[in-house]
Amino acid sequence: MSAAAEVATAAGRVAGLIPGHSAPGALDLLEAEAIHVLREAAGQFDRPALLFSGGKDSAVLLHVATRAFAGAPLPFPLLHVDTGHNFSEVLDFRDRRVAETGTELVVARVEETIAAGRVSDVAAGQSRNALQSRTLLDAIEQHKFDALIGGARRDEEKARAKERVFSLRDAFGGWDPHRQRPELWRLYNGAHQPGENVRIFPLSNWTELDVWRYIAREGIELPSLYYAHERDVVERDGMLLALTEWSSDADRAAAGRRRVRYRTVGDAISTGAVESEAGDADAVLTEVTLAEQSERGATRADDRTSDAAMEDRKREGYF
């Protein structure tokens, strides 16, 4: 029996002994675990920050954080590493949620990293995702962040599956899977040397399906592009890429109108859409249940460059 199954079984037995109480469901257990991790992060670190891009996973994480610290302001700022290639719907949603929660937002811009000569810009029409690592590391140093909390999940990608909930990074921001600590009995070790930092993943044990079940149950607002809508897209390498201000004339000539939605959002140049009629969370749940590819494998062009693309970026300091 897996650890998660054992927890669920034990919780069910305990609940059954208390009159009027029913056993918690799978989403309740995942939420409780995430709340525990968030409170551990707030308690163990001096200057944590929660990564918030405006995507669905960070929206869920922010929602859980408001539950974890209900009645009080969040004990950490929000951090967005901005490539400059954004979907306007996502930025609008990001700013609205920041205002609603009254939380400080720190925006680390890749364009400023380029202007400072810290990295070289990519060719026109290319994704800037690979440039985010330097911007993130500079933001950690500038703001003295000792921990970053993010919505990454183990089911997203093979390199993600190697992560601990508390993932230690060296003084250069690099990730070494051999240095990660065991996490027995849900004990999380945040100890780190000066210059090191820890990446924290409260949603590690969630799946894409869990995320959408939780969104549906909680009525969590998302950017509109997560639901079916009409958009001009161009098909390239089996992906439907949106026409943007950075699109080439050739892409504009080849584009067509499709009804699509996004399973994940990121750099607008490299994030693909999927054809869909799913206009609400319940309809999306049906599509996700039947999906044969992971969201990143199906819709992130930069993750297709090699089998180790994500792992290479993580070793360079990427989240």
Protein backbone atom coordinates (compact mmCIF):
# COMPACT_ATOMS: atom_id res chain seq x y z
CA MET A 1 0.00 0.00 0.00
CA SER A 2 1.35 3.46 -0.90
CA ALA A 3 2.00 6.13 1.71
CA ALA A 4 -0.92 8.20 0.42
CA ALA A 5 -3.24 5.19 0.62
CA GLU A 6 -2.12 4.47 4.16
CA VAL A 7 -2.85 8.06 5.19
CA ALA A 8 -6.28 7.92 3.58
CA THR A 9 -7.07 4.58 5.24
CA ALA A 10 -5.94 5.81 8.66
CA ALA A 11 -7.91 9.03 8.31
CA GLY A 12 -10.98 7.06 7.35
CA ARG A 13 -10.68 4.82 10.39
CA VAL A 14 -10.27 7.78 12.72
CA ALA A 15 -13.20 9.64 11.18
CA GLY A 16 -15.34 6.55 11.51
CA LEU A 17 -14.80 6.57 15.27
CA ILE A 18 -16.09 10.13 15.68
CA PRO A 19 -19.90 10.39 15.56
CA GLY A 20 -21.13 12.78 12.90
CA HIS A 21 -17.82 12.90 11.04
CA SER A 22 -17.18 11.35 7.64
CA ALA A 23 -13.81 10.32 6.22
CA PRO A 24 -12.00 13.11 4.36
CA GLY A 25 -11.84 12.76 0.60
CA ALA A 26 -8.71 12.71 -1.56
CA LEU A 27 -8.90 16.44 -2.27
CA ASP A 28 -9.26 17.20 1.44
CA LEU A 29 -6.08 15.22 2.16
CA LEU A 30 -4.15 16.93 -0.63
CA GLU A 31 -5.31 20.35 0.55
CA ALA A 32 -4.36 19.53 4.16
CA GLU A 33 -0.89 18.40 3.04
CA ALA A 34 -0.38 21.60 1.02
CA ILE A 35 -1.50 23.76 3.96
CA HIS A 36 0.96 21.92 6.22
CA VAL A 37 3.81 22.50 3.75
CA LEU A 38 2.95 26.21 3.39
CA ARG A 39 2.92 26.69 7.16
CA GLU A 40 6.25 24.85 7.44
CA ALA A 41 7.69 27.17 4.80
CA ALA A 42 6.49 30.26 6.67
CA GLY A 43 7.84 28.90 9.94
CA GLN A 44 11.25 27.68 8.79
CA PHE A 45 12.40 30.49 6.51
CA ASP A 46 13.11 34.18 7.03
CA ARG A 47 12.28 35.43 3.53
CA PRO A 48 10.22 33.00 1.43
CA ALA A 49 8.28 34.03 -1.68
CA LEU A 50 5.45 32.34 -3.56
CA LEU A 51 5.92 32.09 -7.32
CA PHE A 52 2.79 33.41 -9.02
CA SER A 53 2.52 33.56 -12.79
CA GLY A 54 -1.26 33.69 -13.05
CA GLY A 55 -1.43 30.09 -14.36
CA LYS A 56 -3.83 27.50 -12.99
CA ASP A 57 -1.36 25.78 -10.62
CA SER A 58 -0.21 29.06 -9.08
CA ALA A 59 -3.86 30.15 -8.83
CA VAL A 60 -4.66 26.98 -6.89
CA LEU A 61 -1.57 27.43 -4.73
CA LEU A 62 -2.53 31.03 -3.91
CA HIS A 63 -6.05 29.87 -3.03
CA VAL A 64 -4.66 27.21 -0.66
CA ALA A 65 -2.28 29.78 0.86
CA THR A 66 -5.19 32.08 1.71
CA ARG A 67 -6.74 29.11 3.51
CA ALA A 68 -3.51 28.25 5.32
CA PHE A 69 -3.24 31.78 6.75
CA ALA A 70 -6.91 32.70 6.86
CA GLY A 71 -7.60 35.85 8.83
CA ALA A 72 -4.08 37.21 8.33
CA PRO A 73 -2.07 38.65 5.44
CA LEU A 74 0.08 36.15 3.56
CA PRO A 75 3.48 35.95 5.29
CA PHE A 76 5.38 36.16 2.00
CA PRO A 77 5.33 38.21 -1.20
CA LEU A 78 4.42 36.88 -4.64
CA LEU A 79 7.13 36.63 -7.31
CA HIS A 80 6.56 36.53 -11.07
CA VAL A 81 9.48 35.85 -13.43
CA ASP A 82 8.23 37.67 -16.53
CA THR A 83 9.62 36.72 -19.97
CA GLY A 84 7.96 39.74 -21.61
CA HIS A 85 6.11 37.34 -23.95
CA ASN A 86 2.79 37.24 -22.11
CA PHE A 87 -0.83 36.43 -22.75
CA SER A 88 -2.73 39.59 -21.81
CA GLU A 89 -5.46 37.50 -20.14
CA VAL A 90 -2.91 36.05 -17.74
CA LEU A 91 -1.40 39.41 -16.75
CA ASP A 92 -4.87 40.88 -16.18
CA PHE A 93 -5.77 37.94 -13.96
CA ARG A 94 -2.45 38.13 -12.09
CA ASP A 95 -2.90 41.80 -11.25
CA ARG A 96 -6.53 41.32 -10.22
CA ARG A 97 -5.70 38.48 -7.80
CA VAL A 98 -2.81 40.45 -6.32
CA ALA A 99 -5.16 43.37 -5.66
CA GLU A 100 -7.83 41.08 -4.18
CA THR A 101 -5.42 39.44 -1.75
CA GLY A 102 -3.59 42.65 -0.88
CA THR A 103 -0.26 40.87 -1.29
CA GLU A 104 3.04 42.39 -2.40
CA LEU A 105 4.00 41.44 -5.96
CA VAL A 106 7.64 41.35 -7.06
CA VAL A 107 8.09 41.17 -10.86
CA ALA A 108 11.49 40.01 -12.10
CA ARG A 109 11.72 40.84 -15.80
CA VAL A 110 13.81 38.90 -18.31
CA GLU A 111 13.93 42.04 -20.46
CA GLU A 112 15.79 43.85 -17.67
CA THR A 113 18.25 40.96 -17.41
CA ILE A 114 18.88 41.28 -21.16
CA ALA A 115 19.28 45.07 -20.94
CA ALA A 116 21.83 44.64 -18.13
CA GLY A 117 23.89 42.31 -20.33
CA ARG A 118 23.40 39.36 -18.00
CA VAL A 119 22.05 37.20 -20.84
CA SER A 120 21.74 37.52 -24.61
CA ASP A 121 18.28 37.82 -26.10
CA VAL A 122 16.91 35.06 -28.30
CA ALA A 123 16.19 35.43 -32.00
CA ALA A 124 12.96 37.08 -33.03
CA GLY A 125 10.01 34.76 -32.61
CA GLN A 126 11.83 32.43 -30.17
CA SER A 127 10.78 31.61 -26.61
CA ARG A 128 12.58 33.31 -23.73
CA ASN A 129 11.84 30.51 -21.26
CA ALA A 130 15.47 29.40 -21.27
CA LEU A 131 16.50 32.89 -20.08
CA GLN A 132 14.38 32.79 -16.93
CA SER A 133 17.00 31.05 -14.79
CA ARG A 134 19.35 34.05 -14.67
CA THR A 135 16.49 36.43 -13.91
CA LEU A 136 15.23 34.17 -11.13
CA LEU A 137 18.67 33.84 -9.54
CA ASP A 138 19.18 37.61 -9.70
CA ALA A 139 15.80 38.15 -8.00
CA ILE A 140 16.76 35.70 -5.23
CA GLU A 141 19.97 37.62 -4.60
CA GLN A 142 18.41 41.08 -4.82
CA HIS A 143 15.50 40.33 -2.47
CA LYS A 144 17.38 37.90 -0.21
CA PHE A 145 14.84 35.13 -0.73
CA ASP A 146 15.86 31.96 1.12
CA ALA A 147 12.95 29.86 -0.18
CA LEU A 148 10.68 29.91 -3.22
CA ILE A 149 7.28 28.23 -3.10
CA GLY A 150 5.86 27.03 -6.41
CA GLY A 151 3.02 25.04 -7.92
CA ALA A 152 5.13 22.42 -9.75
CA ARG A 153 3.75 18.88 -9.60
CA ARG A 154 5.55 15.54 -9.93
CA ASP A 155 3.28 14.36 -12.75
CA GLU A 156 4.20 17.28 -15.03
CA GLU A 157 7.56 16.04 -16.30
CA LYS A 158 10.23 13.41 -15.56
CA ALA A 159 12.64 15.85 -13.88
CA ARG A 160 9.82 17.15 -11.68
CA ALA A 161 9.23 13.62 -10.42
CA LYS A 162 12.73 13.55 -8.86
CA GLU A 163 12.04 16.54 -6.63
CA ARG A 164 11.47 16.47 -2.89
CA VAL A 165 8.81 18.73 -1.36
CA PHE A 166 11.68 20.78 0.12
CA SER A 167 14.31 20.84 -2.65
CA LEU A 168 17.75 22.19 -1.73
CA ARG A 169 19.63 24.40 -4.23
CA ASP A 170 23.32 25.23 -4.00
CA ALA A 171 24.87 28.69 -3.80
CA PHE A 172 24.73 28.94 -7.61
CA GLY A 173 21.04 27.98 -7.71
CA GLY A 174 21.82 24.55 -9.15
CA TRP A 175 19.84 21.42 -8.39
CA ASP A 176 21.59 18.14 -7.56
CA PRO A 177 19.17 15.22 -7.07
CA HIS A 178 21.84 13.34 -5.08
CA ARG A 179 21.88 16.05 -2.39
CA GLN A 180 18.17 15.89 -1.65
CA ARG A 181 17.13 14.76 1.81
CA PRO A 182 14.71 11.99 2.77
CA GLU A 183 11.28 13.19 3.83
CA LEU A 184 10.00 10.54 6.20
CA TRP A 185 6.80 11.01 8.21
CA ARG A 186 6.23 14.36 6.49
CA LEU A 187 9.20 15.95 8.22
CA TYR A 188 10.68 18.69 6.04
CA ASN A 189 14.23 19.87 6.58
CA GLY A 190 14.73 23.48 5.54
CA ALA A 191 18.31 23.81 6.85
CA HIS A 192 20.62 25.51 4.36
CA GLN A 193 23.96 27.28 4.27
CA PRO A 194 24.36 31.01 3.48
CA GLY A 195 23.83 31.52 -0.24
CA GLU A 196 21.81 28.32 -0.65
CA ASN A 197 18.06 28.37 -1.01
CA VAL A 198 15.21 25.89 -0.99
CA ARG A 199 12.46 25.39 -3.57
CA ILE A 200 9.20 24.21 -1.99
CA PHE A 201 6.43 22.32 -3.79
CA PRO A 202 3.18 22.07 -1.78
CA LEU A 203 1.33 20.55 -4.77
CA SER A 204 3.92 17.83 -5.39
CA ASN A 205 1.45 14.98 -4.95
CA TRP A 206 -1.35 16.55 -6.99
CA THR A 207 -2.08 15.58 -10.58
CA GLU A 208 -3.53 17.73 -13.36
CA LEU A 209 -6.84 15.98 -12.72
CA ASP A 210 -6.65 16.79 -8.98
CA VAL A 211 -6.00 20.43 -9.80
CA TRP A 212 -9.08 20.64 -12.00
CA ARG A 213 -11.23 18.79 -9.49
CA TYR A 214 -10.16 21.29 -6.87
CA ILE A 215 -10.81 24.24 -9.20
CA ALA A 216 -14.30 22.90 -9.86
CA ARG A 217 -15.02 22.21 -6.19
CA GLU A 218 -13.72 25.56 -4.92
CA GLY A 219 -14.98 27.68 -7.82
CA ILE A 220 -11.49 29.12 -8.36
CA GLU A 221 -11.28 31.82 -11.00
CA LEU A 222 -8.74 31.34 -13.81
CA PRO A 223 -7.64 33.34 -16.85
CA SER A 224 -10.28 32.93 -19.57
CA LEU A 225 -7.89 31.19 -21.98
CA TYR A 226 -8.09 28.01 -19.89
CA TYR A 227 -11.59 27.56 -21.35
CA ALA A 228 -12.73 27.14 -24.94
CA HIS A 229 -12.63 30.31 -27.04
CA GLU A 230 -12.02 31.41 -30.63
CA ARG A 231 -8.41 32.30 -31.43
CA ASP A 232 -6.17 32.70 -34.48
CA VAL A 233 -3.52 29.99 -34.35
CA VAL A 234 -0.88 28.50 -36.59
CA GLU A 235 -0.08 24.79 -36.57
CA ARG A 236 3.60 23.96 -36.16
CA ASP A 237 5.15 20.59 -35.23
CA GLY A 238 1.74 19.32 -34.18
CA MET A 239 1.10 22.28 -31.88
CA LEU A 240 -1.41 25.12 -32.19
CA LEU A 241 0.47 28.34 -31.43
CA ALA A 242 -1.35 31.63 -30.98
CA LEU A 243 -0.75 34.57 -33.26
CA THR A 244 0.90 37.26 -31.16
CA GLU A 245 2.66 40.56 -31.71
CA TRP A 246 5.87 38.52 -32.07
CA SER A 247 4.54 36.22 -34.83
CA SER A 248 6.22 36.23 -38.22
CA ASP A 249 4.54 37.26 -41.45
CA ALA A 250 4.68 33.63 -42.58
CA ASP A 251 2.78 32.51 -39.47
CA ARG A 252 0.17 35.20 -39.99
CA ALA A 253 -0.35 34.06 -43.57
CA ALA A 254 -0.75 30.41 -42.51
CA ALA A 255 -2.97 31.05 -39.47
CA GLY A 256 -6.57 30.00 -39.12
CA ARG A 257 -9.40 30.47 -36.65
CA ARG A 258 -9.89 27.56 -34.22
CA ARG A 259 -11.85 26.95 -31.05
CA VAL A 260 -9.18 26.14 -28.47
CA ARG A 261 -8.21 26.28 -24.82
CA TYR A 262 -4.89 26.14 -22.98
CA ARG A 263 -3.90 23.34 -20.60
CA THR A 264 -0.94 25.35 -19.31
CA VAL A 265 0.28 28.90 -19.89
CA GLY A 266 3.76 30.34 -20.12
CA ASP A 267 5.76 32.14 -22.77
CA ALA A 268 3.11 32.97 -25.39
CA ILE A 269 5.49 32.14 -28.23
CA SER A 270 6.07 28.51 -27.22
CA THR A 271 2.89 27.49 -25.38
CA GLY A 272 0.41 25.59 -27.51
CA ALA A 273 -3.35 25.33 -27.33
CA VAL A 274 -5.57 22.30 -27.82
CA GLU A 275 -8.82 22.18 -29.76
CA SER A 276 -11.67 22.11 -27.28
CA GLU A 277 -15.32 22.80 -26.58
CA ALA A 278 -14.82 22.76 -22.79
CA GLY A 279 -16.35 25.98 -21.48
CA ASP A 280 -16.24 25.27 -17.76
CA ALA A 281 -14.26 23.31 -15.18
CA ASP A 282 -16.53 20.26 -15.32
CA ALA A 283 -16.11 19.99 -19.09
CA VAL A 284 -12.34 20.40 -18.74
CA LEU A 285 -12.35 17.56 -16.21
CA THR A 286 -13.79 15.26 -18.84
CA GLU A 287 -11.12 16.26 -21.37
CA VAL A 288 -8.27 15.86 -18.87
CA THR A 289 -9.53 12.40 -17.89
CA LEU A 290 -9.31 11.29 -21.53
CA ALA A 291 -6.02 13.05 -22.38
CA GLU A 292 -3.21 10.74 -23.53
CA GLN A 293 -0.32 13.23 -23.07
CA SER A 294 0.80 15.32 -20.12
CA GLU A 295 0.02 19.01 -20.34
CA ARG A 296 3.67 20.03 -20.77
CA GLY A 297 4.49 17.27 -23.24
CA ALA A 298 1.52 18.21 -25.38
CA THR A 299 1.75 21.99 -25.27
CA ARG A 300 5.24 23.26 -24.31
CA ALA A 301 7.52 23.52 -27.34
CA ASP A 302 10.66 24.21 -25.30
CA ASP A 303 10.21 20.96 -23.37
CA ARG A 304 10.49 19.03 -26.64
CA THR A 305 14.07 20.05 -27.43
CA SER A 306 15.45 16.99 -25.62
CA ASP A 307 14.42 14.37 -23.08
CA ALA A 308 16.52 16.20 -20.48
CA ALA A 309 15.47 19.76 -21.35
CA MET A 310 13.77 20.46 -18.03
CA GLU A 311 16.47 18.74 -15.97
CA ASP A 312 19.20 20.79 -17.70
CA ARG A 313 17.34 24.01 -16.92
CA LYS A 314 16.85 23.01 -13.30
CA ARG A 315 20.58 22.42 -12.90
CA GLU A 316 21.11 26.00 -14.12
CA GLY A 317 18.77 27.41 -11.47
CA TYR A 318 15.32 27.18 -13.07
CA PHE A 319 12.42 26.35 -10.82
